């Protein structure tokens, strides 16, 4: 009688689903003879090494960020939502997403209900909406921008200013309210 081996082979590889990084598992359980054990290991290794998981879908979010960045230097205009009129904060976000087929609400107070909530500032990804509460105390005065990545965001700050890319300094972090992910 030949020796029997219990074969348990598990292969892990990253496989993004929506906006969640998950792990996909391939598991094969069985009992094989010593004669087939080596050939099974070689075959399973070859199959798992040949598999290339699909690339993450960052393209659309990056294109939305690029659309917003194309407006760097455009003036802040209260109620503005186009390159012809200038932009306020929510108008810039609405316009950048509209360039790629998304119809977001017009104001920051409405946009904050769009997409999936991201409570941790360090979990933001490029293209996420980033909201700040600029009011003192219990009041709420929302400001919105688009997270670019590398601890920066793009926004239309206020009257007299122009669309700019800004680093998430301690001040901005203290005023972070939440993020929203539209593109998964």
N, C-alpha and C. Protein backbone atom coordinates (compact mmCIF):
# COMPACT_ATOMS: atom_id res chain seq x y z
N UNK A 1 0.85 -1.17 0.00
CA UNK A 1 0.00 0.00 0.00
C UNK A 1 0.89 1.23 0.00
N UNK A 2 0.58 2.17 -0.86
CA UNK A 2 1.39 3.39 -0.93
C UNK A 2 0.96 4.36 0.16
N UNK A 3 1.87 5.26 0.51
CA UNK A 3 1.60 6.26 1.54
C UNK A 3 0.51 7.22 1.06
N UNK A 4 -0.30 7.66 1.99
CA UNK A 4 -1.37 8.61 1.67
C UNK A 4 -1.00 9.97 2.29
N UNK A 5 -1.27 11.03 1.55
CA UNK A 5 -1.01 12.37 2.04
C UNK A 5 -2.31 13.16 2.03
N UNK A 6 -2.50 13.91 3.07
CA UNK A 6 -3.66 14.81 3.11
C UNK A 6 -3.20 16.10 2.44
N UNK A 7 -3.89 16.49 1.42
CA UNK A 7 -3.51 17.68 0.67
C UNK A 7 -4.49 18.80 0.98
N UNK A 8 -3.98 19.85 1.54
CA UNK A 8 -4.78 21.05 1.75
C UNK A 8 -3.98 22.19 1.16
N UNK A 9 -4.50 22.78 0.12
CA UNK A 9 -3.79 23.83 -0.59
C UNK A 9 -4.67 25.07 -0.59
N UNK A 10 -4.13 26.13 -0.11
CA UNK A 10 -4.89 27.37 -0.09
C UNK A 10 -4.06 28.45 -0.76
N UNK A 11 -4.66 29.13 -1.68
CA UNK A 11 -4.00 30.21 -2.39
C UNK A 11 -4.74 31.50 -2.08
N UNK A 12 -4.03 32.52 -1.62
CA UNK A 12 -4.64 33.81 -1.34
C UNK A 12 -4.14 34.83 -2.36
N UNK A 13 -5.04 35.65 -2.83
CA UNK A 13 -4.62 36.77 -3.66
C UNK A 13 -5.64 37.89 -3.47
N UNK A 14 -5.18 39.14 -3.58
CA UNK A 14 -6.11 40.25 -3.40
C UNK A 14 -7.08 40.32 -4.57
N UNK A 15 -8.33 40.55 -4.27
CA UNK A 15 -9.34 40.64 -5.31
C UNK A 15 -10.34 41.71 -4.91
N UNK A 16 -10.23 42.92 -5.49
CA UNK A 16 -11.14 43.98 -5.06
C UNK A 16 -12.57 43.74 -5.53
N UNK A 17 -13.50 43.94 -4.62
CA UNK A 17 -14.92 43.87 -4.94
C UNK A 17 -15.52 45.18 -4.49
N UNK A 18 -16.02 45.96 -5.41
CA UNK A 18 -16.54 47.27 -5.06
C UNK A 18 -15.43 48.10 -4.47
N UNK A 19 -15.65 48.62 -3.29
CA UNK A 19 -14.63 49.43 -2.66
C UNK A 19 -13.95 48.68 -1.51
N UNK A 20 -14.25 47.42 -1.37
CA UNK A 20 -13.69 46.64 -0.27
C UNK A 20 -12.55 45.77 -0.76
N UNK A 21 -11.45 45.78 -0.05
CA UNK A 21 -10.36 44.87 -0.37
C UNK A 21 -10.66 43.56 0.34
N UNK A 22 -10.88 42.54 -0.43
CA UNK A 22 -11.19 41.25 0.16
C UNK A 22 -10.10 40.26 -0.23
N UNK A 23 -10.16 39.12 0.33
CA UNK A 23 -9.25 38.04 -0.04
C UNK A 23 -10.08 36.92 -0.63
N UNK A 24 -9.68 36.45 -1.77
CA UNK A 24 -10.35 35.33 -2.42
C UNK A 24 -9.52 34.10 -2.07
N UNK A 25 -10.18 33.01 -1.81
CA UNK A 25 -9.47 31.80 -1.43
C UNK A 25 -9.82 30.67 -2.38
N UNK A 26 -8.82 29.95 -2.76
CA UNK A 26 -9.00 28.72 -3.50
C UNK A 26 -8.51 27.62 -2.57
N UNK A 27 -9.37 26.71 -2.21
CA UNK A 27 -8.97 25.63 -1.29
C UNK A 27 -9.34 24.30 -1.91
N UNK A 28 -8.43 23.39 -1.87
CA UNK A 28 -8.67 22.04 -2.38
C UNK A 28 -8.30 21.08 -1.26
N UNK A 29 -9.23 20.23 -0.91
CA UNK A 29 -9.01 19.26 0.16
C UNK A 29 -9.12 17.87 -0.45
N UNK A 30 -8.31 16.99 0.01
CA UNK A 30 -8.43 15.63 -0.48
C UNK A 30 -7.28 14.75 -0.01
N UNK A 31 -7.40 13.48 -0.28
CA UNK A 31 -6.36 12.52 0.06
C UNK A 31 -5.82 11.97 -1.25
N UNK A 32 -4.51 12.02 -1.40
CA UNK A 32 -3.90 11.52 -2.63
C UNK A 32 -2.76 10.57 -2.27
N UNK A 33 -2.41 9.76 -3.21
CA UNK A 33 -1.28 8.85 -2.99
C UNK A 33 0.02 9.62 -3.15
N UNK A 34 1.08 9.06 -2.60
CA UNK A 34 2.40 9.70 -2.69
C UNK A 34 2.77 9.92 -4.15
N UNK A 35 2.37 9.00 -5.00
CA UNK A 35 2.70 9.07 -6.42
C UNK A 35 2.12 10.33 -7.06
N UNK A 36 0.91 10.71 -6.65
CA UNK A 36 0.26 11.87 -7.27
C UNK A 36 0.48 13.18 -6.51
N UNK A 37 1.03 13.04 -5.29
CA UNK A 37 1.18 14.22 -4.43
C UNK A 37 2.02 15.31 -5.10
N UNK A 38 3.19 14.95 -5.59
CA UNK A 38 4.11 15.92 -6.20
C UNK A 38 3.49 16.53 -7.45
N UNK A 39 2.89 15.73 -8.29
CA UNK A 39 2.30 16.28 -9.52
C UNK A 39 1.13 17.23 -9.20
N UNK A 40 0.38 16.92 -8.13
CA UNK A 40 -0.72 17.82 -7.73
C UNK A 40 -0.17 19.16 -7.26
N UNK A 41 0.89 19.13 -6.46
CA UNK A 41 1.49 20.37 -5.95
C UNK A 41 2.01 21.21 -7.12
N UNK A 42 2.69 20.59 -8.04
CA UNK A 42 3.22 21.33 -9.19
C UNK A 42 2.09 21.92 -10.02
N UNK A 43 1.04 21.14 -10.27
CA UNK A 43 -0.09 21.64 -11.05
C UNK A 43 -0.77 22.81 -10.34
N UNK A 44 -1.03 22.69 -9.04
CA UNK A 44 -1.70 23.74 -8.30
C UNK A 44 -0.85 25.01 -8.25
N UNK A 45 0.46 24.84 -8.07
CA UNK A 45 1.34 26.01 -8.04
C UNK A 45 1.34 26.69 -9.40
N UNK A 46 1.36 25.92 -10.47
CA UNK A 46 1.36 26.50 -11.81
C UNK A 46 0.07 27.27 -12.08
N UNK A 47 -1.05 26.71 -11.67
CA UNK A 47 -2.34 27.37 -11.87
C UNK A 47 -2.39 28.68 -11.10
N UNK A 48 -1.99 28.67 -9.83
CA UNK A 48 -2.08 29.89 -9.03
C UNK A 48 -1.08 30.93 -9.49
N UNK A 49 0.08 30.51 -9.96
CA UNK A 49 1.06 31.48 -10.43
C UNK A 49 0.65 32.08 -11.77
N UNK A 50 -0.09 31.33 -12.55
CA UNK A 50 -0.51 31.83 -13.86
C UNK A 50 -1.67 32.81 -13.75
N UNK A 51 -2.40 32.76 -12.64
CA UNK A 51 -3.55 33.64 -12.49
C UNK A 51 -3.10 35.04 -12.14
N UNK A 52 -3.58 36.00 -12.86
CA UNK A 52 -3.30 37.40 -12.56
C UNK A 52 -4.64 38.04 -12.22
N UNK A 53 -4.81 38.48 -10.96
CA UNK A 53 -6.09 39.07 -10.59
C UNK A 53 -6.34 40.36 -11.35
N UNK A 54 -7.60 40.72 -11.55
CA UNK A 54 -7.91 41.95 -12.28
C UNK A 54 -7.39 43.17 -11.54
N UNK A 55 -7.01 44.19 -12.31
CA UNK A 55 -6.51 45.43 -11.72
C UNK A 55 -7.65 46.17 -11.01
N UNK A 56 -7.33 46.87 -9.92
CA UNK A 56 -8.36 47.66 -9.26
C UNK A 56 -8.93 48.71 -10.21
N UNK A 57 -10.18 49.07 -9.98
CA UNK A 57 -10.86 50.04 -10.84
C UNK A 57 -10.67 51.45 -10.29
N UNK A 58 -9.48 52.00 -10.51
CA UNK A 58 -9.20 53.34 -10.04
C UNK A 58 -9.39 54.36 -11.16
N UNK A 59 -9.50 53.89 -12.40
CA UNK A 59 -9.51 54.79 -13.55
C UNK A 59 -10.57 55.87 -13.50
N UNK A 60 -11.79 55.52 -13.15
CA UNK A 60 -12.87 56.49 -13.15
C UNK A 60 -12.67 57.54 -12.05
N UNK A 61 -12.25 57.12 -10.88
CA UNK A 61 -12.00 58.07 -9.79
C UNK A 61 -10.87 59.01 -10.16
N UNK A 62 -9.82 58.48 -10.75
CA UNK A 62 -8.69 59.32 -11.16
C UNK A 62 -9.13 60.32 -12.23
N UNK A 63 -9.98 59.89 -13.15
CA UNK A 63 -10.48 60.79 -14.21
C UNK A 63 -11.31 61.92 -13.60
N UNK A 64 -12.08 61.62 -12.56
CA UNK A 64 -12.88 62.64 -11.89
C UNK A 64 -11.97 63.65 -11.20
N UNK A 65 -10.93 63.16 -10.52
CA UNK A 65 -9.96 64.05 -9.89
C UNK A 65 -9.28 64.91 -10.95
N UNK A 66 -8.91 64.29 -12.08
CA UNK A 66 -8.27 65.05 -13.17
C UNK A 66 -9.18 66.15 -13.69
N UNK A 67 -10.48 65.85 -13.79
CA UNK A 67 -11.43 66.88 -14.25
C UNK A 67 -11.42 68.07 -13.29
N UNK A 68 -11.45 67.79 -12.00
CA UNK A 68 -11.41 68.87 -11.00
C UNK A 68 -10.09 69.63 -11.09
N UNK A 69 -8.99 68.91 -11.25
CA UNK A 69 -7.68 69.56 -11.33
C UNK A 69 -7.54 70.42 -12.59
N UNK A 70 -8.32 70.10 -13.60
CA UNK A 70 -8.26 70.93 -14.82
C UNK A 70 -8.80 72.33 -14.57
N UNK A 71 -9.46 72.50 -13.44
CA UNK A 71 -10.03 73.82 -13.10
C UNK A 71 -9.19 74.57 -12.06
N UNK A 72 -8.01 74.05 -11.73
CA UNK A 72 -7.13 74.75 -10.79
C UNK A 72 -6.94 76.20 -11.25
N UNK A 73 -7.11 77.12 -10.34
CA UNK A 73 -6.95 78.54 -10.66
C UNK A 73 -8.24 79.24 -11.04
N UNK A 74 -9.31 78.48 -11.30
CA UNK A 74 -10.60 79.11 -11.62
C UNK A 74 -11.11 79.82 -10.37
N UNK A 75 -11.84 80.92 -10.55
CA UNK A 75 -12.27 81.70 -9.38
C UNK A 75 -13.41 81.04 -8.61
N UNK A 76 -13.43 81.33 -7.29
CA UNK A 76 -14.57 80.97 -6.46
C UNK A 76 -15.70 81.92 -6.81
N UNK A 77 -16.88 81.37 -7.06
CA UNK A 77 -18.08 82.17 -7.28
C UNK A 77 -19.22 81.47 -6.55
N UNK A 78 -19.83 82.17 -5.60
CA UNK A 78 -20.94 81.60 -4.85
C UNK A 78 -22.04 81.15 -5.82
N UNK A 79 -22.44 79.89 -5.74
CA UNK A 79 -23.47 79.34 -6.62
C UNK A 79 -22.94 78.89 -7.97
N UNK A 80 -21.64 79.08 -8.23
CA UNK A 80 -21.06 78.71 -9.53
C UNK A 80 -20.85 77.22 -9.66
N UNK A 81 -21.12 76.72 -10.88
CA UNK A 81 -20.95 75.28 -11.10
C UNK A 81 -20.50 74.94 -12.51
N UNK A 82 -19.74 75.87 -13.14
CA UNK A 82 -19.21 75.58 -14.47
C UNK A 82 -17.95 76.40 -14.71
N UNK A 83 -17.14 75.96 -15.68
CA UNK A 83 -15.94 76.74 -16.01
C UNK A 83 -16.28 78.16 -16.50
N UNK A 84 -17.46 78.32 -17.08
CA UNK A 84 -17.86 79.63 -17.58
C UNK A 84 -18.20 80.60 -16.44
N UNK A 85 -18.76 80.09 -15.35
CA UNK A 85 -19.20 80.96 -14.26
C UNK A 85 -18.23 80.97 -13.09
N UNK A 86 -17.36 79.99 -12.99
CA UNK A 86 -16.56 79.78 -11.79
C UNK A 86 -17.29 78.79 -10.90
N UNK A 87 -16.71 78.48 -9.75
CA UNK A 87 -17.25 77.42 -8.91
C UNK A 87 -17.28 77.81 -7.44
N UNK A 88 -18.30 77.33 -6.74
CA UNK A 88 -18.20 77.26 -5.30
C UNK A 88 -17.78 75.82 -4.99
N UNK A 89 -17.65 75.48 -3.71
CA UNK A 89 -17.08 74.16 -3.38
C UNK A 89 -17.92 73.00 -3.92
N UNK A 90 -19.21 73.03 -3.68
CA UNK A 90 -20.06 71.92 -4.14
C UNK A 90 -20.27 71.95 -5.65
N UNK A 91 -20.23 73.13 -6.24
CA UNK A 91 -20.35 73.24 -7.69
C UNK A 91 -19.19 72.56 -8.40
N UNK A 92 -17.98 72.70 -7.86
CA UNK A 92 -16.80 72.04 -8.44
C UNK A 92 -16.96 70.53 -8.37
N UNK A 93 -17.38 70.02 -7.21
CA UNK A 93 -17.55 68.57 -7.04
C UNK A 93 -18.62 68.05 -7.99
N UNK A 94 -19.75 68.74 -8.04
CA UNK A 94 -20.85 68.33 -8.94
C UNK A 94 -20.37 68.31 -10.39
N UNK A 95 -19.66 69.36 -10.81
CA UNK A 95 -19.19 69.47 -12.20
C UNK A 95 -18.19 68.35 -12.53
N UNK A 96 -17.22 68.10 -11.64
CA UNK A 96 -16.19 67.08 -11.92
C UNK A 96 -16.84 65.70 -12.09
N UNK A 97 -17.80 65.38 -11.24
CA UNK A 97 -18.49 64.08 -11.36
C UNK A 97 -19.38 64.05 -12.60
N UNK A 98 -20.01 65.16 -12.94
CA UNK A 98 -20.88 65.20 -14.12
C UNK A 98 -20.09 64.94 -15.41
N UNK A 99 -18.81 65.29 -15.43
CA UNK A 99 -17.99 65.04 -16.62
C UNK A 99 -17.84 63.55 -16.90
N UNK A 100 -18.19 62.74 -15.93
CA UNK A 100 -18.06 61.28 -16.07
C UNK A 100 -19.37 60.56 -15.81
N UNK A 101 -20.48 61.28 -16.03
CA UNK A 101 -21.80 60.64 -16.04
C UNK A 101 -22.50 60.54 -14.70
N UNK A 102 -21.99 61.17 -13.65
CA UNK A 102 -22.62 61.13 -12.35
C UNK A 102 -23.41 62.41 -12.12
N UNK A 103 -24.60 62.27 -11.58
CA UNK A 103 -25.44 63.44 -11.30
C UNK A 103 -25.56 63.60 -9.78
N UNK A 104 -24.64 64.36 -9.21
CA UNK A 104 -24.68 64.61 -7.78
C UNK A 104 -25.61 65.78 -7.48
N UNK A 105 -26.13 65.83 -6.26
CA UNK A 105 -26.93 66.99 -5.86
C UNK A 105 -26.08 68.26 -5.91
N UNK A 106 -26.72 69.42 -5.87
CA UNK A 106 -26.03 70.68 -6.06
C UNK A 106 -25.26 71.18 -4.84
N UNK A 107 -25.79 71.04 -3.64
CA UNK A 107 -25.15 71.66 -2.47
C UNK A 107 -24.42 70.64 -1.61
N UNK A 108 -23.47 71.13 -0.81
CA UNK A 108 -22.73 70.25 0.11
C UNK A 108 -23.68 69.59 1.10
N UNK A 109 -24.70 70.32 1.54
CA UNK A 109 -25.67 69.74 2.48
C UNK A 109 -26.47 68.60 1.86
N UNK A 110 -26.60 68.59 0.54
CA UNK A 110 -27.27 67.48 -0.15
C UNK A 110 -26.26 66.39 -0.52
N UNK A 111 -25.07 66.80 -0.96
CA UNK A 111 -24.05 65.84 -1.39
C UNK A 111 -23.60 64.93 -0.25
N UNK A 112 -23.70 65.40 0.98
CA UNK A 112 -23.24 64.61 2.12
C UNK A 112 -24.06 63.33 2.31
N UNK A 113 -25.19 63.24 1.63
CA UNK A 113 -26.01 62.03 1.69
C UNK A 113 -25.78 61.08 0.52
N UNK A 114 -24.84 61.41 -0.36
CA UNK A 114 -24.55 60.59 -1.55
C UNK A 114 -23.45 59.58 -1.24
N UNK A 115 -23.54 58.43 -1.86
CA UNK A 115 -22.48 57.43 -1.75
C UNK A 115 -22.39 56.77 -0.40
N UNK A 116 -21.24 56.16 -0.17
CA UNK A 116 -20.99 55.42 1.07
C UNK A 116 -20.17 56.25 2.04
N UNK A 117 -20.55 56.24 3.27
CA UNK A 117 -19.89 57.01 4.33
C UNK A 117 -18.50 56.47 4.63
N UNK A 118 -17.53 57.38 4.73
CA UNK A 118 -16.17 57.05 5.14
C UNK A 118 -15.88 57.91 6.37
N UNK A 119 -15.85 57.29 7.54
CA UNK A 119 -15.72 58.03 8.79
C UNK A 119 -14.27 58.36 9.13
N UNK A 120 -13.32 57.59 8.63
CA UNK A 120 -11.91 57.74 8.97
C UNK A 120 -11.18 58.46 7.84
N UNK A 121 -10.62 59.61 8.12
CA UNK A 121 -9.93 60.41 7.10
C UNK A 121 -8.80 59.62 6.44
N UNK A 122 -8.19 58.70 7.15
CA UNK A 122 -7.08 57.92 6.59
C UNK A 122 -7.55 56.79 5.68
N UNK A 123 -8.86 56.60 5.55
CA UNK A 123 -9.41 55.58 4.65
C UNK A 123 -9.88 56.18 3.32
N UNK A 124 -9.70 57.48 3.13
CA UNK A 124 -10.13 58.12 1.89
C UNK A 124 -9.28 57.65 0.72
N UNK A 125 -9.91 57.60 -0.45
CA UNK A 125 -9.24 57.23 -1.69
C UNK A 125 -9.47 58.35 -2.70
N UNK A 126 -8.59 58.44 -3.72
CA UNK A 126 -8.79 59.47 -4.73
C UNK A 126 -10.21 59.43 -5.30
N UNK A 127 -10.81 60.62 -5.42
CA UNK A 127 -12.17 60.75 -5.93
C UNK A 127 -13.23 60.82 -4.84
N UNK A 128 -12.87 60.48 -3.62
CA UNK A 128 -13.85 60.56 -2.52
C UNK A 128 -14.18 62.02 -2.24
N UNK A 129 -15.42 62.27 -1.86
CA UNK A 129 -15.81 63.59 -1.40
C UNK A 129 -15.31 63.71 0.03
N UNK A 130 -14.74 64.87 0.36
CA UNK A 130 -14.23 65.10 1.71
C UNK A 130 -14.94 66.34 2.26
N UNK A 131 -15.62 66.15 3.40
CA UNK A 131 -16.42 67.21 4.00
C UNK A 131 -15.76 67.70 5.29
N UNK A 132 -15.85 69.02 5.47
CA UNK A 132 -15.34 69.67 6.66
C UNK A 132 -16.47 70.48 7.27
N UNK A 133 -16.50 70.53 8.60
CA UNK A 133 -17.45 71.39 9.29
C UNK A 133 -16.68 72.63 9.72
N UNK A 134 -17.02 73.77 9.12
CA UNK A 134 -16.30 75.01 9.39
C UNK A 134 -16.97 75.86 10.47
N UNK A 135 -18.08 75.40 11.01
CA UNK A 135 -18.80 76.14 12.05
C UNK A 135 -18.22 75.81 13.42
N UNK A 136 -18.45 76.70 14.34
CA UNK A 136 -18.03 76.49 15.73
C UNK A 136 -19.18 75.90 16.53
N UNK A 137 -18.86 75.16 17.56
CA UNK A 137 -19.88 74.62 18.45
C UNK A 137 -20.73 73.54 17.80
N UNK A 138 -22.02 73.58 18.09
CA UNK A 138 -22.94 72.55 17.60
C UNK A 138 -23.49 72.84 16.21
N UNK A 139 -23.18 73.99 15.67
CA UNK A 139 -23.70 74.33 14.33
C UNK A 139 -22.95 73.53 13.26
N UNK A 140 -23.53 73.51 12.07
CA UNK A 140 -22.89 72.80 10.96
C UNK A 140 -22.86 73.71 9.74
N UNK A 141 -21.65 73.97 9.25
CA UNK A 141 -21.44 74.70 8.01
C UNK A 141 -20.47 73.87 7.18
N UNK A 142 -21.00 73.16 6.18
CA UNK A 142 -20.19 72.20 5.45
C UNK A 142 -19.42 72.84 4.31
N UNK A 143 -18.22 72.33 4.13
CA UNK A 143 -17.36 72.66 2.99
C UNK A 143 -16.96 71.32 2.39
N UNK A 144 -16.97 71.22 1.05
CA UNK A 144 -16.66 69.95 0.39
C UNK A 144 -15.54 70.14 -0.63
N UNK A 145 -14.75 69.10 -0.77
CA UNK A 145 -13.71 69.04 -1.79
C UNK A 145 -13.58 67.61 -2.29
N UNK A 146 -12.63 67.37 -3.16
CA UNK A 146 -12.35 66.03 -3.68
C UNK A 146 -10.98 65.59 -3.18
N UNK A 147 -10.94 64.42 -2.57
CA UNK A 147 -9.66 63.89 -2.12
C UNK A 147 -8.84 63.48 -3.34
N UNK A 148 -7.59 63.94 -3.37
CA UNK A 148 -6.70 63.65 -4.51
C UNK A 148 -5.82 62.45 -4.21
N UNK A 149 -5.45 62.28 -2.96
CA UNK A 149 -4.49 61.26 -2.56
C UNK A 149 -3.29 61.95 -1.96
N UNK A 150 -2.39 61.18 -1.36
CA UNK A 150 -1.17 61.72 -0.76
C UNK A 150 -1.47 62.88 0.19
N UNK A 151 -2.55 62.74 0.97
CA UNK A 151 -2.92 63.72 1.98
C UNK A 151 -3.23 65.11 1.41
N UNK A 152 -3.78 65.14 0.19
CA UNK A 152 -4.18 66.41 -0.43
C UNK A 152 -5.61 66.32 -0.95
N UNK A 153 -6.24 67.48 -1.09
CA UNK A 153 -7.57 67.55 -1.68
C UNK A 153 -7.66 68.81 -2.52
N UNK A 154 -8.62 68.83 -3.43
CA UNK A 154 -8.84 69.99 -4.29
C UNK A 154 -10.19 70.57 -3.93
N UNK A 155 -10.25 71.92 -3.89
CA UNK A 155 -11.50 72.57 -3.49
C UNK A 155 -11.51 74.01 -3.97
N UNK A 156 -12.70 74.58 -3.92
CA UNK A 156 -12.89 76.00 -4.19
C UNK A 156 -13.15 76.65 -2.83
N UNK A 157 -12.15 77.33 -2.26
CA UNK A 157 -12.20 77.70 -0.85
C UNK A 157 -13.24 78.73 -0.43
N UNK A 158 -13.20 79.92 -0.98
CA UNK A 158 -14.12 80.98 -0.53
C UNK A 158 -13.95 82.19 -1.44
N UNK A 159 -14.81 83.18 -1.23
CA UNK A 159 -14.78 84.41 -2.03
C UNK A 159 -13.38 85.02 -2.01
N UNK A 160 -12.94 85.46 -3.17
CA UNK A 160 -11.61 86.06 -3.29
C UNK A 160 -10.50 85.06 -3.53
N UNK A 161 -10.82 83.78 -3.49
CA UNK A 161 -9.81 82.72 -3.70
C UNK A 161 -10.10 82.01 -5.02
N UNK A 162 -9.20 81.09 -5.36
CA UNK A 162 -9.32 80.29 -6.58
C UNK A 162 -9.22 78.81 -6.22
N UNK A 163 -9.69 77.98 -7.13
CA UNK A 163 -9.60 76.53 -6.90
C UNK A 163 -8.14 76.17 -6.69
N UNK A 164 -7.92 75.38 -5.63
CA UNK A 164 -6.55 75.04 -5.26
C UNK A 164 -6.47 73.62 -4.73
N UNK A 165 -5.25 73.11 -4.75
CA UNK A 165 -4.97 71.82 -4.13
C UNK A 165 -4.35 72.15 -2.77
N UNK A 166 -4.87 71.50 -1.72
CA UNK A 166 -4.48 71.82 -0.35
C UNK A 166 -4.06 70.57 0.40
N UNK A 167 -3.03 70.71 1.20
CA UNK A 167 -2.57 69.60 2.05
C UNK A 167 -3.48 69.47 3.27
N UNK A 168 -3.72 68.25 3.70
CA UNK A 168 -4.53 68.00 4.89
C UNK A 168 -3.70 68.30 6.14
N UNK A 169 -3.59 69.56 6.46
CA UNK A 169 -2.84 69.99 7.65
C UNK A 169 -3.62 69.60 8.90
N UNK A 170 -3.01 69.86 10.05
CA UNK A 170 -3.70 69.58 11.31
C UNK A 170 -5.02 70.34 11.39
N UNK A 171 -5.05 71.58 10.90
CA UNK A 171 -6.29 72.38 10.95
C UNK A 171 -7.40 71.70 10.17
N UNK A 172 -7.10 71.24 8.95
CA UNK A 172 -8.12 70.56 8.14
C UNK A 172 -8.53 69.25 8.79
N UNK A 173 -7.60 68.53 9.34
CA UNK A 173 -7.92 67.27 10.02
C UNK A 173 -8.85 67.49 11.21
N UNK A 174 -8.62 68.56 11.95
CA UNK A 174 -9.48 68.87 13.10
C UNK A 174 -10.90 69.21 12.66
N UNK A 175 -11.06 69.73 11.44
CA UNK A 175 -12.37 70.12 10.94
C UNK A 175 -13.01 69.07 10.03
N UNK A 176 -12.31 67.93 9.84
CA UNK A 176 -12.85 66.85 9.02
C UNK A 176 -14.18 66.38 9.62
N UNK A 177 -15.18 66.27 8.76
CA UNK A 177 -16.51 65.85 9.20
C UNK A 177 -16.75 64.39 8.79
N UNK A 178 -16.60 64.11 7.51
CA UNK A 178 -16.65 62.75 7.00
C UNK A 178 -16.36 62.75 5.51
N UNK A 179 -16.17 61.57 4.97
CA UNK A 179 -15.98 61.41 3.53
C UNK A 179 -17.13 60.62 2.95
N UNK A 180 -17.29 60.72 1.65
CA UNK A 180 -18.30 59.93 0.94
C UNK A 180 -17.65 59.35 -0.31
N UNK A 181 -17.85 58.05 -0.51
CA UNK A 181 -17.30 57.37 -1.70
C UNK A 181 -18.44 57.18 -2.69
N UNK A 182 -18.28 57.78 -3.86
CA UNK A 182 -19.27 57.70 -4.93
C UNK A 182 -18.88 56.60 -5.90
N UNK A 183 -17.61 56.55 -6.29
CA UNK A 183 -17.11 55.56 -7.24
C UNK A 183 -16.50 54.41 -6.45
N UNK A 184 -17.06 53.21 -6.64
CA UNK A 184 -16.60 52.03 -5.90
C UNK A 184 -15.62 51.23 -6.71
